[in-house]
């Protein structure tokens, strides 16, 4: 989003950018991050561009614009856009934005634009660890580095700035680790009380699910995070191997990618866990049959 904002400003366009939630601390270093507005607002635009969002429900508000363009690498969403640029095989939405900007005027991509594009690329590929990494992803990374990106700086800002509260929260979260389905499913839980005990914010759970995913033999990893109402659980799902975790998330009204998805489920902790384990076992069995 910021890369597109900066590029359009260089093109002389009147541009604003906004998101529904506060910018996570892990991204507070991004160039022009202070230009991001909080949605919703009362403005009506000639053109709105939804980036990495399947529709206004993901943007957090009604989109008031004469025309809407959607740039995304997720399946599904509301059909409220006039034009779509969607590629579910793209490693990140910034990869698609970069395609557009390079076609438009490659010379206008400066260090700030490149840094924003590169950050989206590494966060959506797990720092080039996930199976959505392609030859084209590395080619884009090379191009962006040549434009001035400092990979060490970006990686340090994204991955090496944990707060003490984050580590305390991680310690408590890892103590909840449980394995199911012949050790093919791993589950972590973050009750609301953990946030109170550690003074951590919910956003500090980002990436915790990957500890469960990293266990040898695990094919599906969940982290269940209790919301403020104590009745809703935000669930992040990660897959490894042949299991399509997006299909699991979609059973509960969520979505995402084959190896990374999410949803929200209301209910008691044990009820939600049972539903997830049942869906996980069903999907593991289904994908096993498909790939045998």
Protein backbone atom coordinates (compact mmCIF):
# COMPACT_ATOMS: atom_id res chain seq x y z
CA UNK A 1 0.00 0.00 0.00
CA UNK A 2 2.70 2.49 0.97
CA UNK A 3 4.74 1.69 -2.14
CA UNK A 4 1.72 2.39 -4.33
CA UNK A 5 0.98 5.57 -2.38
CA UNK A 6 4.53 6.86 -2.82
CA UNK A 7 4.63 6.00 -6.53
CA UNK A 8 1.31 7.72 -7.26
CA UNK A 9 2.47 10.81 -5.35
CA UNK A 10 5.52 10.94 -7.62
CA UNK A 11 3.12 10.77 -10.56
CA UNK A 12 1.47 13.93 -9.28
CA UNK A 13 -1.72 12.27 -8.09
CA UNK A 14 -3.69 13.35 -5.03
CA UNK A 15 -3.45 10.25 -2.87
CA UNK A 16 -4.41 9.12 0.63
CA UNK A 17 -3.87 5.73 2.26
CA UNK A 18 -5.53 4.12 5.24
CA UNK A 19 -6.07 0.93 7.23
CA UNK A 20 -8.58 -0.09 9.88
CA UNK A 21 -6.09 -1.06 12.61
CA UNK A 22 -3.07 0.72 14.07
CA UNK A 23 0.21 0.03 12.29
CA UNK A 24 1.96 -2.87 14.08
CA UNK A 25 5.15 -1.93 15.92
CA UNK A 26 7.10 -4.33 13.73
CA UNK A 27 6.33 -2.14 10.70
CA UNK A 28 6.79 1.28 12.28
CA UNK A 29 10.09 1.80 10.42
CA UNK A 30 8.56 1.83 6.94
CA UNK A 31 9.06 4.96 4.84
CA UNK A 32 6.02 7.28 4.99
CA UNK A 33 4.30 5.09 7.58
CA UNK A 34 3.14 8.31 9.27
CA UNK A 35 1.01 9.09 6.22
CA UNK A 36 -1.33 6.17 6.93
CA UNK A 37 -4.77 7.25 8.09
CA UNK A 38 -7.12 5.24 10.26
CA UNK A 39 -10.25 4.00 8.52
CA UNK A 40 -13.12 4.61 8.26
CA UNK A 41 -13.22 8.21 7.13
CA UNK A 42 -15.94 10.26 5.47
CA UNK A 43 -14.14 10.88 2.19
CA UNK A 44 -15.54 9.88 -1.18
CA UNK A 45 -12.92 9.18 -3.83
CA UNK A 46 -12.74 9.03 -7.61
CA UNK A 47 -10.78 5.79 -7.30
CA UNK A 48 -10.09 3.41 -4.42
CA UNK A 49 -7.44 0.69 -4.64
CA UNK A 50 -7.85 -2.22 -2.23
CA UNK A 51 -4.45 -3.79 -1.60
CA UNK A 52 -4.16 -7.24 0.00
CA UNK A 53 -7.83 -7.06 1.01
CA UNK A 54 -10.63 -9.18 -0.42
CA UNK A 55 -13.23 -6.48 0.04
CA UNK A 56 -14.55 -3.68 2.23
CA UNK A 57 -15.15 -6.19 5.05
CA UNK A 58 -11.36 -6.61 5.20
CA UNK A 59 -10.73 -2.89 4.87
CA UNK A 60 -12.96 -2.39 7.90
CA UNK A 61 -15.39 0.07 6.37
CA UNK A 62 -17.53 0.82 3.37
CA UNK A 63 -15.45 1.95 0.42
CA UNK A 64 -16.89 5.16 -1.04
CA UNK A 65 -15.48 5.57 -4.53
CA UNK A 66 -16.67 5.94 -8.11
CA UNK A 67 -14.48 3.01 -9.10
CA UNK A 68 -12.64 0.32 -7.14
CA UNK A 69 -9.56 -1.68 -8.09
CA UNK A 70 -8.50 -4.72 -6.11
CA UNK A 71 -4.91 -6.01 -6.06
CA UNK A 72 -4.60 -9.24 -4.10
CA UNK A 73 -3.21 -12.76 -3.92
CA UNK A 74 -6.09 -14.24 -1.94
CA UNK A 75 -9.02 -16.28 -3.24
CA UNK A 76 -12.57 -15.07 -2.70
CA UNK A 77 -13.94 -11.85 -1.31
CA UNK A 78 -16.80 -9.54 -2.19
CA UNK A 79 -17.30 -8.75 -5.86
CA UNK A 80 -17.58 -5.01 -5.35
CA UNK A 81 -14.56 -3.95 -7.40
CA UNK A 82 -14.69 -2.74 -10.99
CA UNK A 83 -11.28 -4.15 -11.84
CA UNK A 84 -9.29 -6.99 -10.27
CA UNK A 85 -5.62 -7.91 -10.47
CA UNK A 86 -5.53 -11.18 -8.55
CA UNK A 87 -2.92 -13.91 -8.71
CA UNK A 88 -3.21 -16.56 -6.02
CA UNK A 89 0.22 -17.94 -6.95
CA UNK A 90 1.98 -14.64 -6.28
CA UNK A 91 4.26 -14.79 -3.20
CA UNK A 92 2.88 -11.48 -1.91
CA UNK A 93 0.59 -8.66 -2.93
CA UNK A 94 3.62 -6.37 -3.05
CA UNK A 95 4.93 -8.69 -5.76
CA UNK A 96 1.86 -7.78 -7.84
CA UNK A 97 2.18 -4.08 -7.01
CA UNK A 98 5.82 -4.23 -8.10
CA UNK A 99 4.75 -5.76 -11.42
CA UNK A 100 2.42 -2.83 -12.04
CA UNK A 101 4.95 -0.18 -11.03
CA UNK A 102 7.75 -1.71 -13.08
CA UNK A 103 5.50 -1.82 -16.13
CA UNK A 104 4.32 1.75 -15.48
CA UNK A 105 7.73 3.40 -14.96
CA UNK A 106 10.51 1.32 -13.46
CA UNK A 107 12.77 4.37 -13.10
CA UNK A 108 10.40 5.99 -10.59
CA UNK A 109 10.90 3.16 -8.08
CA UNK A 110 13.22 4.72 -5.51
CA UNK A 111 14.72 3.40 -2.27
CA UNK A 112 11.62 4.17 -0.18
CA UNK A 113 9.24 2.48 -2.61
CA UNK A 114 11.62 -0.47 -2.91
CA UNK A 115 11.88 -0.83 0.88
CA UNK A 116 8.11 -1.01 1.25
CA UNK A 117 7.84 -3.57 -1.55
CA UNK A 118 10.68 -5.68 -0.15
CA UNK A 119 9.20 -5.70 3.36
CA UNK A 120 5.92 -7.09 2.06
CA UNK A 121 7.82 -9.71 0.09
CA UNK A 122 9.82 -11.04 3.05
CA UNK A 123 6.94 -11.01 5.53
CA UNK A 124 4.63 -12.96 3.21
CA UNK A 125 7.31 -15.51 2.34
CA UNK A 126 8.56 -15.99 5.90
CA UNK A 127 11.87 -14.40 4.95
CA UNK A 128 11.99 -16.65 1.84
CA UNK A 129 11.27 -19.86 3.81
CA UNK A 130 7.76 -20.77 2.63
CA UNK A 131 6.86 -22.77 -0.45
CA UNK A 132 5.33 -19.73 -2.12
CA UNK A 133 8.87 -18.56 -2.89
CA UNK A 134 9.57 -18.61 -6.61
CA UNK A 135 12.41 -17.72 -8.92
CA UNK A 136 10.52 -14.51 -9.71
CA UNK A 137 10.43 -13.64 -5.99
CA UNK A 138 14.22 -13.74 -5.83
CA UNK A 139 14.45 -11.79 -9.07
CA UNK A 140 12.26 -9.07 -7.56
CA UNK A 141 14.35 -9.07 -4.38
CA UNK A 142 17.49 -8.58 -6.47
CA UNK A 143 15.87 -5.71 -8.36
CA UNK A 144 14.76 -4.01 -5.13
CA UNK A 145 18.20 -4.37 -3.54
CA UNK A 146 19.67 -2.70 -6.61
CA UNK A 147 17.19 0.12 -6.01
CA UNK A 148 18.68 0.70 -2.57
CA UNK A 149 17.02 -1.73 -0.14
CA UNK A 150 19.22 -2.78 2.78
CA UNK A 151 18.13 -6.42 3.44
CA UNK A 152 19.99 -6.59 6.75
CA UNK A 153 18.27 -3.45 8.03
CA UNK A 154 14.80 -4.59 6.97
CA UNK A 155 15.23 -8.09 8.43
CA UNK A 156 16.57 -6.63 11.66
CA UNK A 157 13.63 -4.24 11.99
CA UNK A 158 11.06 -6.95 11.22
CA UNK A 159 12.52 -9.95 13.07
CA UNK A 160 15.00 -8.71 15.68
CA UNK A 161 13.08 -6.18 17.79
CA UNK A 162 11.16 -8.33 20.24
CA UNK A 163 10.02 -6.57 23.40
CA UNK A 164 10.57 -8.21 26.81
CA UNK A 165 6.77 -8.52 27.01
CA UNK A 166 6.77 -10.47 23.74
CA UNK A 167 9.28 -12.99 25.06
CA UNK A 168 7.34 -13.38 28.31
CA UNK A 169 4.17 -13.95 26.30
CA UNK A 170 5.94 -16.46 24.07
CA UNK A 171 7.13 -18.36 27.15
CA UNK A 172 3.58 -18.71 28.45
CA UNK A 173 2.21 -19.56 25.01
CA UNK A 174 4.74 -22.33 24.37
CA UNK A 175 3.76 -23.89 27.71
CA UNK A 176 0.31 -24.55 26.21
CA UNK A 177 1.67 -26.60 23.28
CA UNK A 178 -0.31 -29.78 22.64
CA UNK A 179 0.04 -32.36 19.86
CA UNK A 180 -2.88 -34.29 18.36
CA UNK A 181 -3.72 -36.56 15.41
CA UNK A 182 -0.61 -38.75 15.77
CA UNK A 183 1.51 -35.62 16.31
CA UNK A 184 0.45 -34.20 12.95
CA UNK A 185 -1.48 -31.30 14.50
CA UNK A 186 0.04 -28.81 16.94
CA UNK A 187 -1.98 -26.29 18.94
CA UNK A 188 -0.95 -23.21 20.92
CA UNK A 189 -3.36 -21.16 23.02
CA UNK A 190 -3.27 -17.53 24.17
CA UNK A 191 -5.98 -16.86 26.78
CA UNK A 192 -6.68 -13.17 27.39
CA UNK A 193 -5.15 -13.48 30.86
CA UNK A 194 -1.72 -14.07 29.27
CA UNK A 195 -1.81 -10.56 27.79
CA UNK A 196 -2.69 -9.09 31.19
CA UNK A 197 0.05 -11.08 32.95
CA UNK A 198 2.78 -9.98 30.54
CA UNK A 199 1.57 -6.52 29.56
CA UNK A 200 1.81 -7.59 25.92
CA UNK A 201 -0.44 -6.53 23.05
CA UNK A 202 -2.27 -9.04 20.90
CA UNK A 203 -0.17 -8.02 17.90
CA UNK A 204 2.88 -9.40 19.71
CA UNK A 205 1.62 -12.93 19.03
CA UNK A 206 2.59 -12.46 15.37
CA UNK A 207 4.71 -15.41 14.27
CA UNK A 208 4.11 -17.53 17.39
CA UNK A 209 2.23 -20.15 15.37
CA UNK A 210 5.42 -20.86 13.40
CA UNK A 211 6.99 -22.43 16.50
CA UNK A 212 4.25 -25.07 16.39
CA UNK A 213 4.61 -25.42 12.62
CA UNK A 214 8.36 -26.00 12.92
CA UNK A 215 7.96 -29.24 14.90
CA UNK A 216 9.09 -32.28 12.95
CA UNK A 217 6.14 -34.31 11.69
CA UNK A 218 3.58 -31.55 12.23
CA UNK A 219 1.45 -30.88 9.16
CA UNK A 220 -1.06 -28.41 10.61
CA UNK A 221 -0.42 -25.81 13.33
CA UNK A 222 -3.01 -23.65 15.08
CA UNK A 223 -2.75 -20.77 17.49
CA UNK A 224 -5.98 -19.82 19.28
CA UNK A 225 -6.02 -16.24 20.57
CA UNK A 226 -8.86 -15.20 22.85
CA UNK A 227 -10.47 -11.85 21.98
CA UNK A 228 -11.61 -9.17 24.42
CA UNK A 229 -15.18 -10.46 24.56
CA UNK A 230 -13.79 -13.77 25.92
CA UNK A 231 -16.17 -15.64 23.59
CA UNK A 232 -14.36 -15.25 20.27
CA UNK A 233 -11.09 -16.90 19.27
CA UNK A 234 -8.91 -15.59 16.47
CA UNK A 235 -7.26 -18.61 14.90
CA UNK A 236 -4.11 -18.53 12.77
CA UNK A 237 -3.41 -21.72 10.83
CA UNK A 238 -0.17 -22.81 9.19
CA UNK A 239 0.43 -25.86 7.04
CA UNK A 240 3.39 -27.89 5.97
CA UNK A 241 3.51 -30.47 3.23
CA UNK A 242 0.37 -31.34 1.30
CA UNK A 243 -2.34 -30.08 3.65
CA UNK A 244 -4.46 -27.18 2.39
CA UNK A 245 -5.11 -25.15 5.56
CA UNK A 246 -7.14 -22.60 3.64
CA UNK A 247 -9.84 -25.27 3.34
CA UNK A 248 -9.87 -25.58 7.14
CA UNK A 249 -10.25 -21.82 7.62
CA UNK A 250 -13.04 -21.65 5.05
CA UNK A 251 -15.13 -24.11 7.10
CA UNK A 252 -15.37 -21.36 9.73
CA UNK A 253 -15.87 -18.39 7.41
CA UNK A 254 -12.19 -17.52 7.12
CA UNK A 255 -9.68 -17.82 4.32
CA UNK A 256 -6.13 -17.21 3.24
CA UNK A 257 -3.57 -19.30 1.40
CA UNK A 258 -2.83 -22.99 1.09
CA UNK A 259 -0.10 -22.83 3.77
CA UNK A 260 -1.29 -19.84 5.82
CA UNK A 261 -4.87 -19.02 6.71
CA UNK A 262 -7.05 -17.75 9.51
CA UNK A 263 -10.56 -17.47 10.88
CA UNK A 264 -12.59 -16.46 13.94
CA UNK A 265 -14.71 -18.89 15.93
CA UNK A 266 -17.07 -18.20 18.81
CA UNK A 267 -17.37 -20.67 21.66
CA UNK A 268 -15.74 -22.13 24.73
CA UNK A 269 -12.07 -23.02 24.40
CA UNK A 270 -12.62 -26.78 24.39
CA UNK A 271 -15.47 -26.50 21.88
CA UNK A 272 -13.38 -24.43 19.49
CA UNK A 273 -10.42 -26.79 19.89
CA UNK A 274 -12.61 -29.81 19.11
CA UNK A 275 -13.94 -28.17 15.95
CA UNK A 276 -10.43 -27.31 14.77
CA UNK A 277 -9.04 -30.78 15.47
CA UNK A 278 -11.96 -32.39 13.67
CA UNK A 279 -11.47 -30.15 10.63
CA UNK A 280 -7.72 -30.71 10.74
CA UNK A 281 -8.02 -34.49 10.81
CA UNK A 282 -10.54 -34.42 7.98
CA UNK A 283 -8.30 -32.24 5.81
CA UNK A 284 -5.15 -34.27 6.55
CA UNK A 285 -6.99 -37.45 5.55
CA UNK A 286 -8.43 -35.84 2.43
CA UNK A 287 -5.09 -34.48 1.23
CA UNK A 288 -3.39 -37.78 2.03
CA UNK A 289 -5.82 -39.56 -0.31
CA UNK A 290 -5.31 -36.94 -3.02
CA UNK A 291 -1.52 -37.20 -2.92
CA UNK A 292 -1.13 -40.98 -2.52
